[in-house]
Amino acid sequence: MIPNWQRKIARERIRILLREAESEVRQHPERSRRYAELARKIGMRYKVRFPKKYKRKICKSCFSYLKPGVNCTVRLVPKERCVVWRCLECKKERRYPYAKK
């Protein structure tokens, strides 16, 4: 069992690494990818979930930080009622459903 104080530190480190990954994605994409990968490893080691706003912004296949217009495309598919995020690094797509009105 992992103590709560270690999980708290892990959460802080994950937030810091993902903020840094977001700021570095334009100038240093490799550094950004490394930060995202480290955050993921910390989360797995200490069994900590990612913050909700960052969860969809990491590619599940190449672990790069996704920023729309820089290294990914985001589009709506109304017929399927989903949002499609496509990573331009590894060409993988992720589909997320959205609620109907």
Protein backbone atom coordinates (compact mmCIF):
# COMPACT_ATOMS: atom_id res chain seq x y z
CA MET A 1 0.00 0.00 0.00
CA ILE A 2 1.33 3.40 -0.98
CA PRO A 3 1.14 6.13 1.71
CA ASN A 4 -1.05 9.17 0.99
CA TRP A 5 1.85 11.60 1.33
CA GLN A 6 3.67 9.86 -1.52
CA ARG A 7 0.56 9.98 -3.70
CA LYS A 8 0.17 13.69 -2.97
CA ILE A 9 3.76 14.36 -4.09
CA ALA A 10 3.20 12.20 -7.19
CA ARG A 11 0.08 14.23 -8.11
CA GLU A 12 2.05 17.47 -7.79
CA ARG A 13 4.86 16.11 -9.97
CA ILE A 14 2.40 14.93 -12.61
CA ARG A 15 0.75 18.35 -12.77
CA ILE A 16 4.12 20.09 -13.03
CA LEU A 17 5.39 17.75 -15.75
CA LEU A 18 2.21 18.09 -17.81
CA ARG A 19 2.27 21.89 -17.53
CA GLU A 20 5.88 21.85 -18.73
CA ALA A 21 4.96 19.47 -21.56
CA GLU A 22 2.24 21.89 -22.65
CA SER A 23 4.61 24.86 -22.67
CA GLU A 24 7.39 23.01 -24.55
CA VAL A 25 5.29 21.34 -27.27
CA ARG A 26 5.98 23.99 -29.94
CA GLN A 27 9.70 24.60 -29.48
CA HIS A 28 10.90 21.23 -28.15
CA PRO A 29 8.47 18.42 -29.08
CA GLU A 30 10.85 15.66 -27.95
CA ARG A 31 11.23 17.26 -24.52
CA SER A 32 7.46 17.61 -24.31
CA ARG A 33 7.02 13.93 -25.15
CA ARG A 34 9.56 12.98 -22.47
CA TYR A 35 7.73 15.04 -19.84
CA ALA A 36 4.42 13.38 -20.73
CA GLU A 37 6.02 9.95 -20.62
CA LEU A 38 7.58 10.64 -17.20
CA ALA A 39 4.22 11.85 -15.86
CA ARG A 40 2.59 8.66 -17.09
CA LYS A 41 5.25 6.50 -15.44
CA ILE A 42 4.87 8.34 -12.13
CA GLY A 43 1.11 7.87 -12.32
CA MET A 44 1.47 4.15 -12.93
CA ARG A 45 4.07 3.63 -10.22
CA TYR A 46 2.11 5.43 -7.50
CA LYS A 47 -1.36 4.47 -8.77
CA VAL A 48 -2.43 8.08 -9.28
CA ARG A 49 -4.96 9.13 -11.89
CA PHE A 50 -4.21 11.93 -14.29
CA PRO A 51 -6.08 15.20 -13.81
CA LYS A 52 -9.22 15.24 -15.96
CA LYS A 53 -8.12 18.13 -18.19
CA TYR A 54 -4.88 16.34 -19.16
CA LYS A 55 -6.22 12.83 -19.63
CA ARG A 56 -7.19 13.18 -23.31
CA LYS A 57 -4.19 15.29 -24.21
CA ILE A 58 -1.70 12.42 -24.19
CA CYS A 59 -1.53 10.01 -27.12
CA LYS A 60 -2.06 6.47 -25.90
CA SER A 61 0.26 4.93 -28.50
CA CYS A 62 3.29 7.27 -28.70
CA PHE A 63 2.79 9.16 -25.39
CA SER A 64 3.30 12.59 -26.92
CA TYR A 65 1.47 15.61 -25.52
CA LEU A 66 -1.28 16.57 -27.97
CA LYS A 67 -1.88 20.22 -28.77
CA PRO A 68 -4.54 20.92 -31.41
CA GLY A 69 -3.10 22.60 -34.48
CA VAL A 70 0.49 21.75 -33.54
CA ASN A 71 0.79 17.97 -33.50
CA CYS A 72 -2.82 16.78 -33.64
CA THR A 73 -6.10 17.49 -35.35
CA VAL A 74 -9.48 17.59 -33.66
CA ARG A 75 -12.72 17.23 -35.56
CA LEU A 76 -16.38 16.57 -34.84
CA VAL A 77 -18.24 13.74 -36.55
CA PRO A 78 -21.94 14.59 -36.11
CA LYS A 79 -23.26 11.33 -37.60
CA GLU A 80 -21.34 9.25 -35.07
CA ARG A 81 -21.67 11.87 -32.32
CA CYS A 82 -17.99 11.77 -31.47
CA VAL A 83 -14.89 13.93 -31.34
CA VAL A 84 -11.88 12.51 -33.20
CA TRP A 85 -8.37 13.39 -32.01
CA ARG A 86 -5.68 12.36 -34.53
CA CYS A 87 -2.03 12.36 -33.52
CA LEU A 88 0.18 13.61 -36.34
CA GLU A 89 3.24 11.87 -34.89
CA CYS A 90 1.99 8.27 -35.04
CA LYS A 91 -1.22 8.78 -37.14
CA LYS A 92 -3.45 7.10 -34.52
CA GLU A 93 -7.01 8.26 -33.90
CA ARG A 94 -8.95 8.33 -30.66
CA ARG A 95 -12.73 8.74 -30.68
CA TYR A 96 -14.58 10.22 -27.74
CA PRO A 97 -18.39 10.29 -27.71
CA TYR A 98 -20.29 13.40 -26.77
CA ALA A 99 -23.81 13.63 -25.37
CA LYS A 100 -26.74 14.46 -27.59
CA LYS A 101 -29.04 17.36 -26.78
